[in-house]
Amino acid sequence: MNLEKTLTICTRSEDETLSLGRKLGQKLFFPSLIALMGDLGSGKTVFTRGIAAGMGIKDVVKSPSFLIVKEYSGPVPLYHFDLYRISSSEELDFLGWQEYFYSREGVVVIEWADKILDILPSSRLEIKIEIEDLLIRKLIFLPRGDKRYEKLAQSIKGEI
């Protein structure tokens, strides 16, 4: 891991996590893939809700735990995966995950992405969300592959 490319941001409330997601959503390029990792209750869905709002999506984003993927329409579509209930990447084969990850013109956000590292595209923005205490979250942005993810992380850094 190249530490020079990582970005760490602490949020101090759910609203700040939402706002950070909104800033990211406003700056995304298309197509892009955001791989979220973090414990239960760390704020992955809140952050995704912010991304959607920043993309101009009007629907309320909820965790699609029982569906695995939920599609949201907007100026650019959002494909929201929640992999909490799966145990391996093979369980996604019936969904046609390759089309989502490699062919769709939009944004793919994957909660619990650490469960499918073996099939994730090499170009992505990983964001690890760590629980520091009841309200504080540490978000670690790890750009992978495509240089646009590095620029994206740097543009977020310029906003804080």
N, C-alpha and C. Protein backbone atom coordinates (compact mmCIF):
# COMPACT_ATOMS: atom_id res chain seq x y z
N MET A 1 0.85 -1.18 0.00
CA MET A 1 0.00 0.00 0.00
C MET A 1 0.89 1.24 0.00
N ASN A 2 0.63 2.13 -0.91
CA ASN A 2 1.38 3.39 -0.97
C ASN A 2 0.70 4.38 -0.05
N LEU A 3 1.35 4.66 1.09
CA LEU A 3 0.74 5.53 2.10
C LEU A 3 0.56 6.96 1.61
N GLU A 4 1.35 7.37 0.61
CA GLU A 4 1.20 8.73 0.09
C GLU A 4 -0.13 8.91 -0.62
N LYS A 5 -0.71 7.83 -1.10
CA LYS A 5 -1.97 7.92 -1.84
C LYS A 5 -3.18 7.77 -0.93
N THR A 6 -2.98 7.35 0.31
CA THR A 6 -4.12 7.17 1.21
C THR A 6 -4.54 8.51 1.80
N LEU A 7 -5.79 8.57 2.15
CA LEU A 7 -6.37 9.76 2.77
C LEU A 7 -7.18 9.28 3.95
N THR A 8 -6.97 9.87 5.12
CA THR A 8 -7.74 9.51 6.31
C THR A 8 -8.51 10.73 6.78
N ILE A 9 -9.81 10.53 6.98
CA ILE A 9 -10.69 11.60 7.44
C ILE A 9 -11.51 11.06 8.61
N CYS A 10 -11.60 11.83 9.68
CA CYS A 10 -12.46 11.46 10.81
C CYS A 10 -13.73 12.30 10.76
N THR A 11 -14.85 11.62 10.93
CA THR A 11 -16.13 12.32 11.06
C THR A 11 -16.58 12.17 12.50
N ARG A 12 -17.32 13.15 12.98
CA ARG A 12 -17.70 13.17 14.39
C ARG A 12 -19.20 13.02 14.64
N SER A 13 -19.92 12.70 13.55
CA SER A 13 -21.36 12.47 13.69
C SER A 13 -21.86 11.78 12.42
N GLU A 14 -23.05 11.24 12.51
CA GLU A 14 -23.68 10.64 11.34
C GLU A 14 -23.85 11.69 10.24
N ASP A 15 -24.21 12.91 10.62
CA ASP A 15 -24.38 13.98 9.63
C ASP A 15 -23.08 14.28 8.90
N GLU A 16 -21.95 14.26 9.61
CA GLU A 16 -20.66 14.50 8.96
C GLU A 16 -20.30 13.37 8.00
N THR A 17 -20.62 12.13 8.38
CA THR A 17 -20.37 10.99 7.50
C THR A 17 -21.23 11.11 6.24
N LEU A 18 -22.49 11.47 6.42
CA LEU A 18 -23.39 11.70 5.30
C LEU A 18 -22.86 12.81 4.39
N SER A 19 -22.41 13.90 4.99
CA SER A 19 -21.90 15.04 4.23
C SER A 19 -20.64 14.67 3.44
N LEU A 20 -19.76 13.88 4.03
CA LEU A 20 -18.56 13.44 3.34
C LEU A 20 -18.93 12.57 2.14
N GLY A 21 -19.90 11.69 2.32
CA GLY A 21 -20.39 10.88 1.21
C GLY A 21 -20.97 11.75 0.10
N ARG A 22 -21.71 12.79 0.48
CA ARG A 22 -22.30 13.71 -0.50
C ARG A 22 -21.19 14.39 -1.32
N LYS A 23 -20.13 14.84 -0.65
CA LYS A 23 -19.01 15.47 -1.35
C LYS A 23 -18.39 14.51 -2.35
N LEU A 24 -18.22 13.26 -1.94
CA LEU A 24 -17.68 12.26 -2.86
C LEU A 24 -18.61 12.07 -4.04
N GLY A 25 -19.90 11.93 -3.77
CA GLY A 25 -20.88 11.72 -4.84
C GLY A 25 -20.90 12.85 -5.86
N GLN A 26 -20.64 14.06 -5.42
CA GLN A 26 -20.61 15.21 -6.32
C GLN A 26 -19.39 15.20 -7.23
N LYS A 27 -18.34 14.50 -6.83
CA LYS A 27 -17.08 14.53 -7.56
C LYS A 27 -16.80 13.26 -8.36
N LEU A 28 -17.65 12.26 -8.26
CA LEU A 28 -17.39 10.99 -8.91
C LEU A 28 -17.31 11.11 -10.42
N PHE A 29 -16.51 10.25 -11.02
CA PHE A 29 -16.49 10.09 -12.48
C PHE A 29 -17.26 8.80 -12.79
N PHE A 30 -17.60 8.62 -14.05
CA PHE A 30 -18.45 7.48 -14.41
C PHE A 30 -17.82 6.69 -15.55
N PRO A 31 -17.80 5.39 -15.48
CA PRO A 31 -18.22 4.55 -14.36
C PRO A 31 -17.17 4.57 -13.25
N SER A 32 -17.59 4.27 -12.05
CA SER A 32 -16.66 4.12 -10.94
C SER A 32 -17.18 3.07 -9.96
N LEU A 33 -16.25 2.55 -9.16
CA LEU A 33 -16.59 1.53 -8.19
C LEU A 33 -15.99 1.92 -6.85
N ILE A 34 -16.86 1.96 -5.85
CA ILE A 34 -16.48 2.29 -4.48
C ILE A 34 -16.67 1.04 -3.64
N ALA A 35 -15.58 0.56 -3.03
CA ALA A 35 -15.60 -0.65 -2.22
C ALA A 35 -15.52 -0.25 -0.75
N LEU A 36 -16.62 -0.42 -0.03
CA LEU A 36 -16.69 -0.03 1.38
C LEU A 36 -16.44 -1.24 2.28
N MET A 37 -15.62 -1.01 3.30
CA MET A 37 -15.31 -2.05 4.26
C MET A 37 -15.43 -1.47 5.66
N GLY A 38 -15.99 -2.24 6.56
CA GLY A 38 -16.13 -1.78 7.93
C GLY A 38 -17.06 -2.69 8.70
N ASP A 39 -16.96 -2.61 10.01
CA ASP A 39 -17.80 -3.44 10.86
C ASP A 39 -19.27 -3.03 10.79
N LEU A 40 -20.12 -3.89 11.29
CA LEU A 40 -21.54 -3.61 11.39
C LEU A 40 -21.73 -2.33 12.21
N GLY A 41 -22.50 -1.38 11.69
CA GLY A 41 -22.77 -0.14 12.40
C GLY A 41 -21.71 0.93 12.21
N SER A 42 -20.77 0.70 11.29
CA SER A 42 -19.70 1.68 11.10
C SER A 42 -20.12 2.89 10.28
N GLY A 43 -21.21 2.76 9.52
CA GLY A 43 -21.69 3.91 8.74
C GLY A 43 -21.62 3.72 7.24
N LYS A 44 -21.47 2.49 6.77
CA LYS A 44 -21.36 2.24 5.34
C LYS A 44 -22.62 2.68 4.60
N THR A 45 -23.79 2.37 5.13
CA THR A 45 -25.03 2.75 4.45
C THR A 45 -25.26 4.26 4.53
N VAL A 46 -24.93 4.87 5.65
CA VAL A 46 -25.04 6.33 5.78
C VAL A 46 -24.14 7.00 4.74
N PHE A 47 -22.92 6.51 4.60
CA PHE A 47 -21.98 7.07 3.63
C PHE A 47 -22.53 6.89 2.21
N THR A 48 -23.10 5.72 1.92
CA THR A 48 -23.69 5.46 0.61
C THR A 48 -24.88 6.39 0.35
N ARG A 49 -25.67 6.63 1.37
CA ARG A 49 -26.79 7.57 1.26
C ARG A 49 -26.28 8.96 0.85
N GLY A 50 -25.15 9.36 1.42
CA GLY A 50 -24.54 10.64 1.06
C GLY A 50 -24.05 10.64 -0.38
N ILE A 51 -23.42 9.55 -0.81
CA ILE A 51 -22.95 9.44 -2.20
C ILE A 51 -24.13 9.63 -3.15
N ALA A 52 -25.23 8.92 -2.86
CA ALA A 52 -26.43 9.02 -3.72
C ALA A 52 -26.94 10.45 -3.78
N ALA A 53 -27.03 11.10 -2.64
CA ALA A 53 -27.50 12.49 -2.61
C ALA A 53 -26.59 13.39 -3.43
N GLY A 54 -25.29 13.18 -3.31
CA GLY A 54 -24.34 13.98 -4.08
C GLY A 54 -24.45 13.74 -5.57
N MET A 55 -24.92 12.56 -5.95
CA MET A 55 -25.12 12.23 -7.36
C MET A 55 -26.45 12.75 -7.89
N GLY A 56 -27.27 13.34 -7.01
CA GLY A 56 -28.57 13.86 -7.45
C GLY A 56 -29.68 12.84 -7.40
N ILE A 57 -29.48 11.74 -6.70
CA ILE A 57 -30.51 10.71 -6.56
C ILE A 57 -31.47 11.12 -5.46
N LYS A 58 -32.75 11.13 -5.77
CA LYS A 58 -33.77 11.60 -4.82
C LYS A 58 -34.28 10.51 -3.89
N ASP A 59 -34.19 9.24 -4.29
CA ASP A 59 -34.68 8.14 -3.47
C ASP A 59 -33.90 8.05 -2.16
N VAL A 60 -34.55 7.56 -1.13
CA VAL A 60 -33.87 7.31 0.14
C VAL A 60 -33.14 5.98 0.02
N VAL A 61 -31.86 6.00 0.24
CA VAL A 61 -31.04 4.79 0.13
C VAL A 61 -31.13 4.02 1.45
N LYS A 62 -31.48 2.75 1.32
CA LYS A 62 -31.54 1.85 2.46
C LYS A 62 -30.64 0.67 2.17
N SER A 63 -30.26 -0.03 3.20
CA SER A 63 -29.43 -1.20 3.03
C SER A 63 -30.20 -2.29 2.29
N PRO A 64 -29.66 -2.78 1.16
CA PRO A 64 -30.37 -3.83 0.42
C PRO A 64 -30.00 -5.24 0.88
N SER A 65 -29.82 -5.44 2.17
CA SER A 65 -29.32 -6.71 2.71
C SER A 65 -30.06 -7.94 2.20
N PHE A 66 -31.36 -7.84 2.03
CA PHE A 66 -32.11 -9.01 1.60
C PHE A 66 -32.16 -9.14 0.09
N LEU A 67 -31.75 -8.11 -0.64
CA LEU A 67 -31.77 -8.14 -2.10
C LEU A 67 -30.37 -8.32 -2.69
N ILE A 68 -29.36 -8.02 -1.95
CA ILE A 68 -27.95 -7.98 -2.34
C ILE A 68 -27.64 -6.75 -3.18
N VAL A 69 -28.45 -6.43 -4.18
CA VAL A 69 -28.20 -5.22 -4.97
C VAL A 69 -29.50 -4.46 -5.18
N LYS A 70 -29.41 -3.16 -5.09
CA LYS A 70 -30.55 -2.26 -5.33
C LYS A 70 -30.07 -1.21 -6.32
N GLU A 71 -30.87 -0.97 -7.34
CA GLU A 71 -30.55 0.03 -8.35
C GLU A 71 -31.35 1.30 -8.08
N TYR A 72 -30.65 2.44 -8.13
CA TYR A 72 -31.28 3.75 -7.95
C TYR A 72 -31.10 4.56 -9.22
N SER A 73 -32.21 5.15 -9.68
CA SER A 73 -32.16 5.99 -10.88
C SER A 73 -31.87 7.42 -10.49
N GLY A 74 -31.15 8.08 -11.35
CA GLY A 74 -30.82 9.49 -11.17
C GLY A 74 -30.17 9.96 -12.45
N PRO A 75 -29.53 11.10 -12.42
CA PRO A 75 -28.81 11.55 -13.60
C PRO A 75 -27.82 10.49 -14.09
N VAL A 76 -27.22 9.77 -13.12
CA VAL A 76 -26.36 8.61 -13.37
C VAL A 76 -26.83 7.54 -12.40
N PRO A 77 -27.01 6.28 -12.87
CA PRO A 77 -27.52 5.25 -11.96
C PRO A 77 -26.50 4.85 -10.89
N LEU A 78 -27.05 4.44 -9.74
CA LEU A 78 -26.25 3.92 -8.64
C LEU A 78 -26.67 2.47 -8.41
N TYR A 79 -25.69 1.58 -8.34
CA TYR A 79 -25.91 0.17 -8.07
C TYR A 79 -25.31 -0.10 -6.70
N HIS A 80 -26.18 -0.32 -5.72
CA HIS A 80 -25.79 -0.43 -4.31
C HIS A 80 -25.83 -1.90 -3.89
N PHE A 81 -24.67 -2.46 -3.63
CA PHE A 81 -24.55 -3.84 -3.18
C PHE A 81 -24.35 -3.87 -1.67
N ASP A 82 -25.01 -4.81 -1.00
CA ASP A 82 -24.77 -5.07 0.41
C ASP A 82 -24.51 -6.57 0.53
N LEU A 83 -23.28 -6.93 0.83
CA LEU A 83 -22.87 -8.33 0.82
C LEU A 83 -22.80 -8.95 2.20
N TYR A 84 -23.48 -8.34 3.16
CA TYR A 84 -23.45 -8.81 4.54
C TYR A 84 -23.83 -10.29 4.64
N ARG A 85 -24.80 -10.71 3.88
CA ARG A 85 -25.34 -12.06 4.02
C ARG A 85 -24.63 -13.11 3.17
N ILE A 86 -23.63 -12.72 2.40
CA ILE A 86 -22.94 -13.74 1.60
C ILE A 86 -21.66 -14.18 2.31
N SER A 87 -21.19 -15.36 1.94
CA SER A 87 -19.96 -15.86 2.56
C SER A 87 -18.82 -15.97 1.55
N SER A 88 -19.14 -15.95 0.24
CA SER A 88 -18.08 -16.03 -0.77
C SER A 88 -18.54 -15.37 -2.06
N SER A 89 -17.58 -15.05 -2.91
CA SER A 89 -17.89 -14.38 -4.18
C SER A 89 -18.72 -15.26 -5.11
N GLU A 90 -18.63 -16.57 -4.97
CA GLU A 90 -19.41 -17.47 -5.83
C GLU A 90 -20.91 -17.23 -5.70
N GLU A 91 -21.33 -16.74 -4.54
CA GLU A 91 -22.75 -16.50 -4.32
C GLU A 91 -23.29 -15.35 -5.18
N LEU A 92 -22.41 -14.59 -5.81
CA LEU A 92 -22.84 -13.49 -6.68
C LEU A 92 -23.00 -13.91 -8.13
N ASP A 93 -22.60 -15.12 -8.46
CA ASP A 93 -22.63 -15.56 -9.85
C ASP A 93 -24.02 -15.43 -10.48
N PHE A 94 -25.07 -15.71 -9.73
CA PHE A 94 -26.43 -15.64 -10.27
C PHE A 94 -26.86 -14.20 -10.60
N LEU A 95 -26.17 -13.22 -10.05
CA LEU A 95 -26.51 -11.81 -10.29
C LEU A 95 -25.91 -11.25 -11.56
N GLY A 96 -24.94 -11.93 -12.13
CA GLY A 96 -24.22 -11.36 -13.25
C GLY A 96 -23.36 -10.18 -12.81
N TRP A 97 -22.62 -10.37 -11.72
CA TRP A 97 -21.83 -9.29 -11.13
C TRP A 97 -20.87 -8.66 -12.12
N GLN A 98 -20.37 -9.44 -13.11
CA GLN A 98 -19.41 -8.90 -14.07
C GLN A 98 -20.01 -7.71 -14.82
N GLU A 99 -21.28 -7.82 -15.17
CA GLU A 99 -21.93 -6.71 -15.88
C GLU A 99 -21.96 -5.45 -15.02
N TYR A 100 -22.25 -5.59 -13.75
CA TYR A 100 -22.27 -4.44 -12.85
C TYR A 100 -20.87 -3.86 -12.67
N PHE A 101 -19.91 -4.71 -12.42
CA PHE A 101 -18.57 -4.24 -12.07
C PHE A 101 -17.78 -3.73 -13.26
N TYR A 102 -18.09 -4.24 -14.47
CA TYR A 102 -17.26 -3.92 -15.63
C TYR A 102 -18.00 -3.25 -16.79
N SER A 103 -19.31 -3.32 -16.86
CA SER A 103 -20.01 -2.86 -18.06
C SER A 103 -21.00 -1.72 -17.84
N ARG A 104 -21.44 -1.52 -16.65
CA ARG A 104 -22.47 -0.52 -16.41
C ARG A 104 -21.89 0.89 -16.44
N GLU A 105 -22.65 1.82 -16.99
CA GLU A 105 -22.28 3.24 -16.95
C GLU A 105 -22.97 3.85 -15.75
N GLY A 106 -22.29 3.91 -14.66
CA GLY A 106 -22.85 4.45 -13.44
C GLY A 106 -21.86 4.28 -12.32
N VAL A 107 -22.38 4.20 -11.12
CA VAL A 107 -21.55 4.04 -9.94
C VAL A 107 -21.98 2.77 -9.21
N VAL A 108 -20.99 1.96 -8.87
CA VAL A 108 -21.22 0.77 -8.07
C VAL A 108 -20.64 1.04 -6.69
N VAL A 109 -21.47 0.89 -5.66
CA VAL A 109 -21.01 0.99 -4.27
C VAL A 109 -21.26 -0.37 -3.64
N ILE A 110 -20.21 -0.94 -3.05
CA ILE A 110 -20.30 -2.27 -2.48
C ILE A 110 -19.99 -2.20 -0.98
N GLU A 111 -21.00 -2.51 -0.16
CA GLU A 111 -20.78 -2.65 1.27
C GLU A 111 -20.30 -4.07 1.54
N TRP A 112 -19.36 -4.23 2.47
CA TRP A 112 -18.75 -5.51 2.81
C TRP A 112 -17.91 -6.02 1.64
N ALA A 113 -17.27 -5.13 0.92
CA ALA A 113 -16.48 -5.49 -0.26
C ALA A 113 -15.32 -6.42 0.08
N ASP A 114 -14.87 -6.43 1.33
CA ASP A 114 -13.78 -7.31 1.72
C ASP A 114 -14.13 -8.79 1.56
N LYS A 115 -15.42 -9.10 1.41
CA LYS A 115 -15.84 -10.49 1.22
C LYS A 115 -15.60 -10.98 -0.20
N ILE A 116 -15.34 -10.04 -1.13
CA ILE A 116 -15.19 -10.44 -2.53
C ILE A 116 -13.93 -9.83 -3.16
N LEU A 117 -12.91 -9.66 -2.38
CA LEU A 117 -11.67 -9.07 -2.91
C LEU A 117 -11.15 -9.82 -4.13
N ASP A 118 -11.41 -11.12 -4.20
CA ASP A 118 -10.91 -11.94 -5.30
C ASP A 118 -11.54 -11.60 -6.64
N ILE A 119 -12.70 -10.94 -6.66
CA ILE A 119 -13.35 -10.62 -7.94
C ILE A 119 -13.50 -9.12 -8.19
N LEU A 120 -13.04 -8.30 -7.25
CA LEU A 120 -13.16 -6.85 -7.46
C LEU A 120 -12.24 -6.40 -8.58
N PRO A 121 -12.68 -5.43 -9.36
CA PRO A 121 -11.78 -4.86 -10.37
C PRO A 121 -10.55 -4.26 -9.69
N SER A 122 -9.43 -4.30 -10.39
CA SER A 122 -8.19 -3.77 -9.81
C SER A 122 -8.25 -2.25 -9.66
N SER A 123 -9.07 -1.59 -10.47
CA SER A 123 -9.27 -0.14 -10.34
C SER A 123 -10.53 0.12 -9.55
N ARG A 124 -10.35 0.78 -8.40
CA ARG A 124 -11.48 1.06 -7.52
C ARG A 124 -11.02 2.03 -6.44
N LEU A 125 -11.97 2.57 -5.71
CA LEU A 125 -11.66 3.35 -4.52
C LEU A 125 -12.15 2.55 -3.33
N GLU A 126 -11.21 2.06 -2.54
CA GLU A 126 -11.57 1.36 -1.30
C GLU A 126 -11.68 2.40 -0.20
N ILE A 127 -12.70 2.24 0.62
CA ILE A 127 -12.85 3.10 1.78
C ILE A 127 -13.12 2.20 2.98
N LYS A 128 -12.17 2.22 3.90
CA LYS A 128 -12.32 1.46 5.15
C LYS A 128 -12.87 2.40 6.20
N ILE A 129 -13.96 1.99 6.83
CA ILE A 129 -14.58 2.81 7.86
C ILE A 129 -14.38 2.11 9.20
N GLU A 130 -13.69 2.80 10.09
CA GLU A 130 -13.41 2.24 11.42
C GLU A 130 -14.19 3.01 12.47
N ILE A 131 -14.72 2.27 13.43
CA ILE A 131 -15.44 2.86 14.56
C ILE A 131 -14.41 3.26 15.61
N GLU A 132 -14.31 4.56 15.87
CA GLU A 132 -13.40 5.06 16.89
C GLU A 132 -14.09 5.10 18.25
N ASP A 133 -15.35 5.56 18.27
CA ASP A 133 -16.19 5.52 19.47
C ASP A 133 -17.64 5.65 19.02
N LEU A 134 -18.52 5.96 19.92
CA LEU A 134 -19.95 5.98 19.60
C LEU A 134 -20.27 6.83 18.38
N LEU A 135 -19.63 7.98 18.22
CA LEU A 135 -19.93 8.89 17.12
C LEU A 135 -18.81 9.04 16.09
N ILE A 136 -17.56 8.89 16.51
CA ILE A 136 -16.44 9.17 15.62
C ILE A 136 -16.13 7.97 14.72
N ARG A 137 -15.99 8.28 13.42
CA ARG A 137 -15.63 7.28 12.43
C ARG A 137 -14.36 7.74 11.72
N LYS A 138 -13.45 6.80 11.48
CA LYS A 138 -12.26 7.08 10.69
C LYS A 138 -12.47 6.44 9.32
N LEU A 139 -12.42 7.25 8.27
CA LEU A 139 -12.57 6.77 6.91
C LEU A 139 -11.22 6.85 6.22
N ILE A 140 -10.76 5.71 5.74
CA ILE A 140 -9.46 5.62 5.10
C ILE A 140 -9.70 5.34 3.61
N PHE A 141 -9.35 6.32 2.79
CA PHE A 141 -9.54 6.23 1.34
C PHE A 141 -8.28 5.61 0.73
N LEU A 142 -8.45 4.52 -0.01
CA LEU A 142 -7.34 3.81 -0.63
C LEU A 142 -7.58 3.69 -2.13
N PRO A 143 -7.07 4.61 -2.93
CA PRO A 143 -7.24 4.52 -4.39
C PRO A 143 -6.46 3.34 -4.95
N ARG A 144 -7.08 2.60 -5.85
CA ARG A 144 -6.44 1.44 -6.47
C ARG A 144 -6.53 1.59 -7.99
N GLY A 145 -5.44 1.29 -8.67
CA GLY A 145 -5.45 1.24 -10.14
C GLY A 145 -5.54 2.60 -10.80
N ASP A 146 -6.63 2.86 -11.47
CA ASP A 146 -6.88 4.07 -12.26
C ASP A 146 -6.49 5.32 -11.48
N LYS A 147 -5.67 6.15 -12.06
CA LYS A 147 -5.19 7.39 -11.42
C LYS A 147 -6.34 8.34 -11.08
N ARG A 148 -7.47 8.19 -11.75
CA ARG A 148 -8.61 9.07 -11.43
C ARG A 148 -9.09 8.88 -10.00
N TYR A 149 -8.90 7.68 -9.45
CA TYR A 149 -9.28 7.46 -8.05
C TYR A 149 -8.36 8.24 -7.11
N GLU A 150 -7.09 8.33 -7.46
CA GLU A 150 -6.16 9.15 -6.67
C GLU A 150 -6.59 10.61 -6.71
N LYS A 151 -6.91 11.10 -7.90
CA LYS A 151 -7.34 12.49 -8.06
C LYS A 151 -8.64 12.74 -7.30
N LEU A 152 -9.52 11.77 -7.31
CA LEU A 152 -10.78 11.87 -6.60
C LEU A 152 -10.53 12.02 -5.09
N ALA A 153 -9.67 11.17 -4.55
CA ALA A 153 -9.35 11.24 -3.12
C ALA A 153 -8.70 12.59 -2.80
N GLN A 154 -7.82 13.05 -3.65
CA GLN A 154 -7.17 14.34 -3.42
C GLN A 154 -8.16 15.49 -3.48
N SER A 155 -9.16 15.38 -4.36
CA SER A 155 -10.16 16.46 -4.43
C SER A 155 -11.02 16.50 -3.17
N ILE A 156 -11.25 15.34 -2.56
CA ILE A 156 -11.98 15.31 -1.28
C ILE A 156 -11.11 15.93 -0.19
N LYS A 157 -9.82 15.61 -0.21
CA LYS A 157 -8.89 16.17 0.77
C LYS A 157 -8.91 17.70 0.72
N GLY A 158 -9.03 18.25 -0.49
CA GLY A 158 -9.07 19.70 -0.66
C GLY A 158 -10.31 20.34 -0.09
N GLU A 159 -11.32 19.55 0.22
CA GLU A 159 -12.59 20.08 0.73
C GLU A 159 -12.67 20.08 2.26
N ILE A 160 -11.72 19.42 2.90
CA ILE A 160 -11.82 19.30 4.38
C ILE A 160 -10.87 20.24 5.08
